[in-house]
C-alpha atoms as a PDB file:
ATOM      1  CA  MET A   1       0.000   0.000   0.000  1.00  0.00           C
ATOM      2  CA  ILE A   2       2.859   2.424   0.748  1.00  0.00           C
ATOM      3  CA  ILE A   3       4.501   1.737  -2.597  1.00  0.00           C
ATOM      4  CA  GLU A   4       1.218   2.298  -4.440  1.00  0.00           C
ATOM      5  CA  ASN A   5       0.747   5.650  -2.710  1.00  0.00           C
ATOM      6  CA  PHE A   6       4.327   6.612  -3.528  1.00  0.00           C
ATOM      7  CA  ILE A   7       3.792   5.787  -7.214  1.00  0.00           C
ATOM      8  CA  ILE A   8       0.556   7.794  -7.278  1.00  0.00           C
ATOM      9  CA  ALA A   9       2.299  10.776  -5.678  1.00  0.00           C
ATOM     10  CA  LEU A  10       5.180  10.449  -8.149  1.00  0.00           C
ATOM     11  CA  ALA A  11       2.777  10.360 -11.095  1.00  0.00           C
ATOM     12  CA  ARG A  12       1.005  13.469  -9.834  1.00  0.00           C
ATOM     13  CA  LEU A  13       4.303  15.269  -9.292  1.00  0.00           C
ATOM     14  CA  ILE A  14       5.461  14.406 -12.825  1.00  0.00           C
ATOM     15  CA  ASN A  15       2.139  15.658 -14.166  1.00  0.00           C
ATOM     16  CA  ILE A  16       2.505  18.978 -12.305  1.00  0.00           C
ATOM     17  CA  VAL A  17       6.099  19.492 -13.447  1.00  0.00           C
ATOM     18  CA  LEU A  18       5.247  18.731 -17.073  1.00  0.00           C
ATOM     19  CA  THR A  19       2.203  21.018 -16.953  1.00  0.00           C
ATOM     20  CA  LEU A  20       4.355  23.818 -15.531  1.00  0.00           C
ATOM     21  CA  LEU A  21       6.874  23.239 -18.318  1.00  0.00           C
ATOM     22  CA  VAL A  22       4.092  23.498 -20.902  1.00  0.00           C
ATOM     23  CA  TRP A  23       3.092  26.910 -19.534  1.00  0.00           C
ATOM     24  CA  LEU A  24       6.691  28.113 -19.454  1.00  0.00           C
ATOM     25  CA  ILE A  25       7.186  27.151 -23.103  1.00  0.00           C
ATOM     26  CA  ILE A  26       3.912  28.815 -24.086  1.00  0.00           C
ATOM     27  CA  GLY A  27       4.992  31.948 -22.217  1.00  0.00           C
ATOM     28  CA  ARG A  28       8.332  31.966 -23.980  1.00  0.00           C
ATOM     29  CA  ALA A  29       6.678  31.500 -27.367  1.00  0.00           C
ATOM     30  CA  LEU A  30       4.261  34.365 -26.708  1.00  0.00           C
ATOM     31  CA  ILE A  31       7.009  36.690 -25.520  1.00  0.00           C
ATOM     32  CA  SER A  32       9.130  35.863 -28.570  1.00  0.00           C
ATOM     33  CA  TRP A  33       6.464  37.365 -30.846  1.00  0.00           C
ATOM     34  CA  PHE A  34       7.432  40.767 -29.507  1.00  0.00           C
ATOM     35  CA  SER A  35      10.866  42.317 -29.174  1.00  0.00           C
ATOM     36  CA  PRO A  36      11.603  41.402 -25.581  1.00  0.00           C
ATOM     37  CA  ASN A  37      14.235  43.212 -23.627  1.00  0.00           C
ATOM     38  CA  PRO A  38      16.978  40.588 -23.156  1.00  0.00           C
ATOM     39  CA  TYR A  39      17.748  42.075 -19.731  1.00  0.00           C
ATOM     40  CA  ASN A  40      14.191  41.622 -18.483  1.00  0.00           C
ATOM     41  CA  PRO A  41      14.305  39.159 -15.549  1.00  0.00           C
ATOM     42  CA  LEU A  42      11.154  37.350 -16.722  1.00  0.00           C
ATOM     43  CA  PHE A  43      12.571  36.824 -20.197  1.00  0.00           C
ATOM     44  CA  GLN A  44      15.914  35.705 -18.788  1.00  0.00           C
ATOM     45  CA  PHE A  45      14.174  33.182 -16.532  1.00  0.00           C
ATOM     46  CA  LEU A  46      12.037  31.794 -19.361  1.00  0.00           C
ATOM     47  CA  PHE A  47      15.077  31.604 -21.622  1.00  0.00           C
ATOM     48  CA  ARG A  48      17.212  29.772 -19.038  1.00  0.00           C
ATOM     49  CA  VAL A  49      14.486  27.263 -18.260  1.00  0.00           C
ATOM     50  CA  THR A  50      13.285  26.513 -21.790  1.00  0.00           C
ATOM     51  CA  GLU A  51      16.378  26.898 -23.962  1.00  0.00           C
ATOM     52  CA  PRO A  52      18.016  23.597 -22.887  1.00  0.00           C
ATOM     53  CA  ILE A  53      14.840  21.842 -24.056  1.00  0.00           C
ATOM     54  CA  LEU A  54      14.176  23.823 -27.242  1.00  0.00           C
ATOM     55  CA  SER A  55      17.745  24.121 -28.518  1.00  0.00           C
ATOM     56  CA  PRO A  56      18.353  20.413 -29.308  1.00  0.00           C
ATOM     57  CA  ILE A  57      15.072  20.286 -31.251  1.00  0.00           C
ATOM     58  CA  ARG A  58      16.056  23.411 -33.195  1.00  0.00           C
ATOM     59  CA  ASN A  59      19.405  21.843 -34.076  1.00  0.00           C
ATOM     60  CA  VAL A  60      17.833  18.827 -35.782  1.00  0.00           C
ATOM     61  CA  MET A  61      14.954  20.664 -37.478  1.00  0.00           C
ATOM     62  CA  PRO A  62      15.400  21.774 -41.079  1.00  0.00           C
ATOM     63  CA  TYR A  63      15.330  25.504 -41.802  1.00  0.00           C
ATOM     64  CA  LEU A  64      11.737  26.621 -42.341  1.00  0.00           C
ATOM     65  CA  GLY A  65      12.283  30.204 -43.412  1.00  0.00           C
ATOM     66  CA  GLY A  66      12.634  31.710 -39.968  1.00  0.00           C
ATOM     67  CA  ILE A  67       9.675  29.903 -38.416  1.00  0.00           C
ATOM     68  CA  ASP A  68      10.570  28.176 -35.167  1.00  0.00           C
ATOM     69  CA  ILE A  69       8.335  25.160 -34.612  1.00  0.00           C
ATOM     70  CA  SER A  70      10.466  23.694 -31.829  1.00  0.00           C
ATOM     71  CA  PRO A  71       7.971  24.815 -29.128  1.00  0.00           C
ATOM     72  CA  ILE A  72       5.186  22.962 -30.926  1.00  0.00           C
ATOM     73  CA  ILE A  73       7.260  19.794 -31.166  1.00  0.00           C
ATOM     74  CA  VAL A  74       8.263  20.005 -27.511  1.00  0.00           C
ATOM     75  CA  LEU A  75       4.655  20.630 -26.435  1.00  0.00           C
ATOM     76  CA  LEU A  76       3.505  17.580 -28.390  1.00  0.00           C
ATOM     77  CA  ALA A  77       6.262  15.479 -26.829  1.00  0.00           C
ATOM     78  CA  ILE A  78       5.358  16.679 -23.341  1.00  0.00           C
ATOM     79  CA  GLU A  79       1.693  15.853 -23.885  1.00  0.00           C
ATOM     80  CA  PHE A  80       2.683  12.401 -25.134  1.00  0.00           C
ATOM     81  CA  PHE A  81       4.835  11.801 -22.061  1.00  0.00           C
ATOM     82  CA  LYS A  82       2.100  13.089 -19.776  1.00  0.00           C
ATOM     83  CA  SER A  83      -0.458  10.765 -21.265  1.00  0.00           C
ATOM     84  CA  PHE A  84       1.921   7.805 -21.419  1.00  0.00           C
ATOM     85  CA  ILE A  85       4.070   8.012 -18.288  1.00  0.00           C
ATOM     86  CA  VAL A  86       1.548   9.468 -15.862  1.00  0.00           C
ATOM     87  CA  THR A  87      -1.254   7.168 -17.002  1.00  0.00           C
ATOM     88  CA  THR A  88       1.026   4.137 -16.913  1.00  0.00           C
ATOM     89  CA  LEU A  89       2.229   4.946 -13.401  1.00  0.00           C
ATOM     90  CA  LEU A  90      -1.322   5.492 -12.162  1.00  0.00           C
ATOM     91  CA  ASP A  91      -2.546   2.260 -13.765  1.00  0.00           C
ATOM     92  CA  PHE A  92       0.409   0.413 -12.283  1.00  0.00           C
ATOM     93  CA  ALA A  93      -0.313   1.789  -8.819  1.00  0.00           C
ATOM     94  CA  TYR A  94      -4.057   1.154  -8.905  1.00  0.00           C
ATOM     95  CA  GLN A  95      -3.692  -2.410 -10.219  1.00  0.00           C
ATOM     96  CA  GLY A  96      -0.970  -3.265  -7.754  1.00  0.00           C
ATOM     97  CA  PHE A  97       2.218  -5.147  -8.404  1.00  0.00           C
END
C-alpha cells in the first residue's frame, strides 16, 4: 500500500512538473512574438528554463524560413509523455504489483 501511494504521488508530481513546463514554453513562445528586452528578468528566466529543451530540437529541425516550430514539437512530446508516463504509473499503482 505504501509503494502504491508513492507511485501515485510520483505520477502526480510528474504531471505537475510537465504542466508547468508546458506553460513556461507557451509563455516563452508568446514573448518571442514581440521584441523582448533581453535584460528583463522574466525573459531571462524563461530563456534559461526553456532553452536547454528547445535548442536540441532546433538543431535537428530543417530551416523553415525563420519559423521556429520547436515549441510545438516540444509541447507535443510533453503531452505524449504526460499521457503515457503518468497514465502508466497510475494504472500500475491502482492495479498493484
